[in-house]
Amino acid sequence: MLPSFQHPKAGPLTLVGSPLPGADASRAPPPLLGQHSREVLSSLGVSADELGRLEQVGAIRSA
């Protein structure tokens, strides 16, 4: 119920596991801020040029 992770920035981290049967959220540490921004926005149709512009102005960040 208390999975432990080695987080890339926070170091050792212990979280509360899910009480739901079969819900195995203990496979990976939580994502870093911005870690999936490009992937999610790309899947919504945002172009690579627009993603670069959004990063440049600080609207999104890459992990």
PDB file of N, CA and C in Angstrom:
ATOM      1  N   MET A   1       0.805  -1.204   0.000  1.00  0.00           N
ATOM      2  CA  MET A   1       0.000   0.000   0.000  1.00  0.00           C
ATOM      3  C   MET A   1       0.847   1.266   0.000  1.00  0.00           C
ATOM      4  N   LEU A   2       2.132   1.152   0.285  1.00  0.00           N
ATOM      5  CA  LEU A   2       3.015   2.317   0.286  1.00  0.00           C
ATOM      6  C   LEU A   2       4.189   2.071  -0.660  1.00  0.00           C
ATOM      7  N   PRO A   3       3.955   2.220  -1.971  1.00  0.00           N
ATOM      8  CA  PRO A   3       5.050   1.975  -2.918  1.00  0.00           C
ATOM      9  C   PRO A   3       6.137   3.041  -2.795  1.00  0.00           C
ATOM     10  N   SER A   4       7.372   2.617  -2.947  1.00  0.00           N
ATOM     11  CA  SER A   4       8.516   3.530  -2.899  1.00  0.00           C
ATOM     12  C   SER A   4       9.146   3.618  -4.279  1.00  0.00           C
ATOM     13  N   PHE A   5       9.648   4.801  -4.610  1.00  0.00           N
ATOM     14  CA  PHE A   5      10.272   5.056  -5.902  1.00  0.00           C
ATOM     15  C   PHE A   5      11.542   5.849  -5.704  1.00  0.00           C
ATOM     16  N   GLN A   6      12.402   5.779  -6.693  1.00  0.00           N
ATOM     17  CA  GLN A   6      13.538   6.685  -6.775  1.00  0.00           C
ATOM     18  C   GLN A   6      13.148   7.714  -7.828  1.00  0.00           C
ATOM     19  N   HIS A   7      12.697   8.874  -7.381  1.00  0.00           N
ATOM     20  CA  HIS A   7      12.248   9.915  -8.296  1.00  0.00           C
ATOM     21  C   HIS A   7      13.470  10.621  -8.863  1.00  0.00           C
ATOM     22  N   PRO A   8      13.461  10.964 -10.170  1.00  0.00           N
ATOM     23  CA  PRO A   8      14.639  11.578 -10.786  1.00  0.00           C
ATOM     24  C   PRO A   8      15.057  12.916 -10.184  1.00  0.00           C
ATOM     25  N   LYS A   9      14.118  13.669  -9.609  1.00  0.00           N
ATOM     26  CA  LYS A   9      14.480  14.963  -9.014  1.00  0.00           C
ATOM     27  C   LYS A   9      14.263  15.004  -7.510  1.00  0.00           C
ATOM     28  N   ALA A  10      13.257  14.323  -7.010  1.00  0.00           N
ATOM     29  CA  ALA A  10      12.919  14.388  -5.585  1.00  0.00           C
ATOM     30  C   ALA A  10      13.681  13.374  -4.744  1.00  0.00           C
ATOM     31  N   GLY A  11      14.334  12.399  -5.392  1.00  0.00           N
ATOM     32  CA  GLY A  11      15.045  11.360  -4.655  1.00  0.00           C
ATOM     33  C   GLY A  11      14.087  10.280  -4.181  1.00  0.00           C
ATOM     34  N   PRO A  12      14.389   9.620  -3.052  1.00  0.00           N
ATOM     35  CA  PRO A  12      13.508   8.570  -2.544  1.00  0.00           C
ATOM     36  C   PRO A  12      12.126   9.137  -2.213  1.00  0.00           C
ATOM     37  N   LEU A  13      11.089   8.430  -2.658  1.00  0.00           N
ATOM     38  CA  LEU A  13       9.731   8.929  -2.509  1.00  0.00           C
ATOM     39  C   LEU A  13       8.800   7.769  -2.190  1.00  0.00           C
ATOM     40  N   THR A  14       7.990   7.909  -1.144  1.00  0.00           N
ATOM     41  CA  THR A  14       6.987   6.908  -0.779  1.00  0.00           C
ATOM     42  C   THR A  14       5.610   7.543  -0.944  1.00  0.00           C
ATOM     43  N   LEU A  15       4.732   6.849  -1.664  1.00  0.00           N
ATOM     44  CA  LEU A  15       3.393   7.358  -1.932  1.00  0.00           C
ATOM     45  C   LEU A  15       2.349   6.405  -1.358  1.00  0.00           C
ATOM     46  N   VAL A  16       1.116   6.852  -1.330  1.00  0.00           N
ATOM     47  CA  VAL A  16       0.010   6.002  -0.910  1.00  0.00           C
ATOM     48  C   VAL A  16      -0.504   5.276  -2.145  1.00  0.00           C
ATOM     49  N   GLY A  17      -0.590   3.950  -2.068  1.00  0.00           N
ATOM     50  CA  GLY A  17      -1.072   3.155  -3.181  1.00  0.00           C
ATOM     51  C   GLY A  17      -2.586   3.207  -3.300  1.00  0.00           C
ATOM     52  N   SER A  18      -3.088   2.734  -4.436  1.00  0.00           N
ATOM     53  CA  SER A  18      -4.529   2.724  -4.678  1.00  0.00           C
ATOM     54  C   SER A  18      -5.188   1.588  -3.903  1.00  0.00           C
ATOM     55  N   PRO A  19      -6.319   1.854  -3.256  1.00  0.00           N
ATOM     56  CA  PRO A  19      -7.033   0.805  -2.532  1.00  0.00           C
ATOM     57  C   PRO A  19      -7.899  -0.057  -3.451  1.00  0.00           C
ATOM     58  N   LEU A  20      -8.021   0.315  -4.721  1.00  0.00           N
ATOM     59  CA  LEU A  20      -8.867  -0.431  -5.645  1.00  0.00           C
ATOM     60  C   LEU A  20      -8.215  -1.739  -6.060  1.00  0.00           C
ATOM     61  N   PRO A  21      -8.983  -2.837  -6.047  1.00  0.00           N
ATOM     62  CA  PRO A  21      -8.419  -4.124  -6.460  1.00  0.00           C
ATOM     63  C   PRO A  21      -7.961  -4.073  -7.914  1.00  0.00           C
ATOM     64  N   GLY A  22      -6.775  -4.560  -8.163  1.00  0.00           N
ATOM     65  CA  GLY A  22      -6.241  -4.612  -9.516  1.00  0.00           C
ATOM     66  C   GLY A  22      -5.662  -3.309 -10.020  1.00  0.00           C
ATOM     67  N   ALA A  23      -5.765  -2.239  -9.276  1.00  0.00           N
ATOM     68  CA  ALA A  23      -5.210  -0.954  -9.697  1.00  0.00           C
ATOM     69  C   ALA A  23      -3.761  -0.905  -9.255  1.00  0.00           C
ATOM     70  N   ASP A  24      -2.868  -1.155 -10.189  1.00  0.00           N
ATOM     71  CA  ASP A  24      -1.441  -1.186  -9.861  1.00  0.00           C
ATOM     72  C   ASP A  24      -0.782   0.100 -10.336  1.00  0.00           C
ATOM     73  N   ALA A  25      -0.919   1.148  -9.560  1.00  0.00           N
ATOM     74  CA  ALA A  25      -0.318   2.436  -9.902  1.00  0.00           C
ATOM     75  C   ALA A  25       1.115   2.521  -9.404  1.00  0.00           C
ATOM     76  N   SER A  26       1.646   1.444  -8.890  1.00  0.00           N
ATOM     77  CA  SER A  26       2.978   1.474  -8.285  1.00  0.00           C
ATOM     78  C   SER A  26       4.075   1.100  -9.270  1.00  0.00           C
ATOM     79  N   ARG A  27       3.836   1.198 -10.551  1.00  0.00           N
ATOM     80  CA  ARG A  27       4.834   0.790 -11.544  1.00  0.00           C
ATOM     81  C   ARG A  27       5.877   1.857 -11.825  1.00  0.00           C
ATOM     82  N   ALA A  28       5.544   3.130 -11.643  1.00  0.00           N
ATOM     83  CA  ALA A  28       6.476   4.199 -11.986  1.00  0.00           C
ATOM     84  C   ALA A  28       6.245   5.400 -11.064  1.00  0.00           C
ATOM     85  N   PRO A  29       7.277   6.209 -10.886  1.00  0.00           N
ATOM     86  CA  PRO A  29       7.087   7.418 -10.066  1.00  0.00           C
ATOM     87  C   PRO A  29       6.201   8.410 -10.808  1.00  0.00           C
ATOM     88  N   PRO A  30       5.671   9.392 -10.114  1.00  0.00           N
ATOM     89  CA  PRO A  30       4.846  10.401 -10.774  1.00  0.00           C
ATOM     90  C   PRO A  30       5.662  11.160 -11.823  1.00  0.00           C
ATOM     91  N   PRO A  31       5.020  11.638 -12.878  1.00  0.00           N
ATOM     92  CA  PRO A  31       5.766  12.354 -13.916  1.00  0.00           C
ATOM     93  C   PRO A  31       6.264  13.705 -13.423  1.00  0.00           C
ATOM     94  N   LEU A  32       7.324  14.168 -14.049  1.00  0.00           N
ATOM     95  CA  LEU A  32       7.844  15.498 -13.766  1.00  0.00           C
ATOM     96  C   LEU A  32       6.927  16.538 -14.402  1.00  0.00           C
ATOM     97  N   LEU A  33       6.951  17.748 -13.901  1.00  0.00           N
ATOM     98  CA  LEU A  33       6.163  18.827 -14.462  1.00  0.00           C
ATOM     99  C   LEU A  33       6.553  19.026 -15.924  1.00  0.00           C
ATOM    100  N   GLY A  34       5.589  18.913 -16.810  1.00  0.00           N
ATOM    101  CA  GLY A  34       5.841  19.097 -18.238  1.00  0.00           C
ATOM    102  C   GLY A  34       6.327  17.870 -18.962  1.00  0.00           C
ATOM    103  N   GLN A  35       6.484  16.758 -18.282  1.00  0.00           N
ATOM    104  CA  GLN A  35       7.066  15.560 -18.892  1.00  0.00           C
ATOM    105  C   GLN A  35       6.279  15.080 -20.114  1.00  0.00           C
ATOM    106  N   HIS A  36       4.974  15.200 -20.097  1.00  0.00           N
ATOM    107  CA  HIS A  36       4.160  14.696 -21.203  1.00  0.00           C
ATOM    108  C   HIS A  36       3.487  15.799 -22.018  1.00  0.00           C
ATOM    109  N   SER A  37       3.849  17.044 -21.783  1.00  0.00           N
ATOM    110  CA  SER A  37       3.188  18.169 -22.454  1.00  0.00           C
ATOM    111  C   SER A  37       3.260  18.064 -23.971  1.00  0.00           C
ATOM    112  N   ARG A  38       4.455  17.845 -24.494  1.00  0.00           N
ATOM    113  CA  ARG A  38       4.617  17.767 -25.956  1.00  0.00           C
ATOM    114  C   ARG A  38       3.819  16.604 -26.535  1.00  0.00           C
ATOM    115  N   GLU A  39       3.873  15.468 -25.885  1.00  0.00           N
ATOM    116  CA  GLU A  39       3.159  14.279 -26.371  1.00  0.00           C
ATOM    117  C   GLU A  39       1.650  14.524 -26.396  1.00  0.00           C
ATOM    118  N   VAL A  40       1.112  15.067 -25.311  1.00  0.00           N
ATOM    119  CA  VAL A  40      -0.335  15.307 -25.227  1.00  0.00           C
ATOM    120  C   VAL A  40      -0.764  16.352 -26.251  1.00  0.00           C
ATOM    121  N   LEU A  41      -0.051  17.471 -26.316  1.00  0.00           N
ATOM    122  CA  LEU A  41      -0.433  18.525 -27.256  1.00  0.00           C
ATOM    123  C   LEU A  41      -0.272  18.071 -28.705  1.00  0.00           C
ATOM    124  N   SER A  42       0.747  17.277 -28.989  1.00  0.00           N
ATOM    125  CA  SER A  42       0.915  16.730 -30.342  1.00  0.00           C
ATOM    126  C   SER A  42      -0.260  15.850 -30.722  1.00  0.00           C
ATOM    127  N   SER A  43      -0.724  15.031 -29.777  1.00  0.00           N
ATOM    128  CA  SER A  43      -1.858  14.150 -30.062  1.00  0.00           C
ATOM    129  C   SER A  43      -3.142  14.939 -30.305  1.00  0.00           C
ATOM    130  N   LEU A  44      -3.180  16.198 -29.838  1.00  0.00           N
ATOM    131  CA  LEU A  44      -4.335  17.062 -30.062  1.00  0.00           C
ATOM    132  C   LEU A  44      -4.188  17.907 -31.321  1.00  0.00           C
ATOM    133  N   GLY A  45      -3.087  17.690 -32.060  1.00  0.00           N
ATOM    134  CA  GLY A  45      -2.906  18.367 -33.336  1.00  0.00           C
ATOM    135  C   GLY A  45      -2.043  19.607 -33.307  1.00  0.00           C
ATOM    136  N   VAL A  46      -1.397  19.906 -32.201  1.00  0.00           N
ATOM    137  CA  VAL A  46      -0.514  21.074 -32.135  1.00  0.00           C
ATOM    138  C   VAL A  46       0.776  20.745 -32.887  1.00  0.00           C
ATOM    139  N   SER A  47       1.183  21.620 -33.796  1.00  0.00           N
ATOM    140  CA  SER A  47       2.364  21.383 -34.624  1.00  0.00           C
ATOM    141  C   SER A  47       3.652  21.522 -33.818  1.00  0.00           C
ATOM    142  N   ALA A  48       4.721  20.956 -34.367  1.00  0.00           N
ATOM    143  CA  ALA A  48       6.030  21.041 -33.713  1.00  0.00           C
ATOM    144  C   ALA A  48       6.490  22.498 -33.622  1.00  0.00           C
ATOM    145  N   ASP A  49       6.209  23.294 -34.641  1.00  0.00           N
ATOM    146  CA  ASP A  49       6.580  24.715 -34.607  1.00  0.00           C
ATOM    147  C   ASP A  49       5.851  25.441 -33.479  1.00  0.00           C
ATOM    148  N   GLU A  50       4.556  25.157 -33.340  1.00  0.00           N
ATOM    149  CA  GLU A  50       3.769  25.792 -32.282  1.00  0.00           C
ATOM    150  C   GLU A  50       4.241  25.340 -30.911  1.00  0.00           C
ATOM    151  N   LEU A  51       4.597  24.056 -30.769  1.00  0.00           N
ATOM    152  CA  LEU A  51       5.123  23.566 -29.494  1.00  0.00           C
ATOM    153  C   LEU A  51       6.410  24.301 -29.126  1.00  0.00           C
ATOM    154  N   GLY A  52       7.277  24.502 -30.114  1.00  0.00           N
ATOM    155  CA  GLY A  52       8.512  25.240 -29.876  1.00  0.00           C
ATOM    156  C   GLY A  52       8.242  26.659 -29.437  1.00  0.00           C
ATOM    157  N   ARG A  53       7.251  27.302 -30.073  1.00  0.00           N
ATOM    158  CA  ARG A  53       6.901  28.669 -29.704  1.00  0.00           C
ATOM    159  C   ARG A  53       6.332  28.718 -28.287  1.00  0.00           C
ATOM    160  N   LEU A  54       5.475  27.745 -27.942  1.00  0.00           N
ATOM    161  CA  LEU A  54       4.896  27.693 -26.601  1.00  0.00           C
ATOM    162  C   LEU A  54       5.978  27.512 -25.530  1.00  0.00           C
ATOM    163  N   GLU A  55       6.978  26.684 -25.827  1.00  0.00           N
ATOM    164  CA  GLU A  55       8.094  26.511 -24.888  1.00  0.00           C
ATOM    165  C   GLU A  55       8.893  27.793 -24.766  1.00  0.00           C
ATOM    166  N   GLN A  56       9.131  28.449 -25.893  1.00  0.00           N
ATOM    167  CA  GLN A  56       9.939  29.659 -25.895  1.00  0.00           C
ATOM    168  C   GLN A  56       9.317  30.766 -25.054  1.00  0.00           C
ATOM    169  N   VAL A  57       7.997  30.894 -25.095  1.00  0.00           N
ATOM    170  CA  VAL A  57       7.337  31.946 -24.309  1.00  0.00           C
ATOM    171  C   VAL A  57       7.008  31.497 -22.891  1.00  0.00           C
ATOM    172  N   GLY A  58       7.297  30.250 -22.555  1.00  0.00           N
ATOM    173  CA  GLY A  58       7.103  29.767 -21.203  1.00  0.00           C
ATOM    174  C   GLY A  58       5.716  29.247 -20.892  1.00  0.00           C
ATOM    175  N   ALA A  59       4.902  29.039 -21.935  1.00  0.00           N
ATOM    176  CA  ALA A  59       3.548  28.533 -21.724  1.00  0.00           C
ATOM    177  C   ALA A  59       3.553  27.048 -21.358  1.00  0.00           C
ATOM    178  N   ILE A  60       4.517  26.319 -21.875  1.00  0.00           N
ATOM    179  CA  ILE A  60       4.711  24.909 -21.520  1.00  0.00           C
ATOM    180  C   ILE A  60       6.192  24.704 -21.256  1.00  0.00           C
ATOM    181  N   ARG A  61       6.496  23.613 -20.595  1.00  0.00           N
ATOM    182  CA  ARG A  61       7.905  23.290 -20.377  1.00  0.00           C
ATOM    183  C   ARG A  61       8.112  21.816 -20.603  1.00  0.00           C
ATOM    184  N   SER A  62       9.289  21.476 -21.047  1.00  0.00           N
ATOM    185  CA  SER A  62       9.663  20.080 -21.238  1.00  0.00           C
ATOM    186  C   SER A  62      10.463  19.627 -20.028  1.00  0.00           C
ATOM    187  N   ALA A  63      10.237  18.413 -19.633  1.00  0.00           N
ATOM    188  CA  ALA A  63      10.946  17.864 -18.471  1.00  0.00           C
ATOM    189  C   ALA A  63      12.358  17.495 -18.841  1.00  0.00           C
TER     190      ALA A  63
END
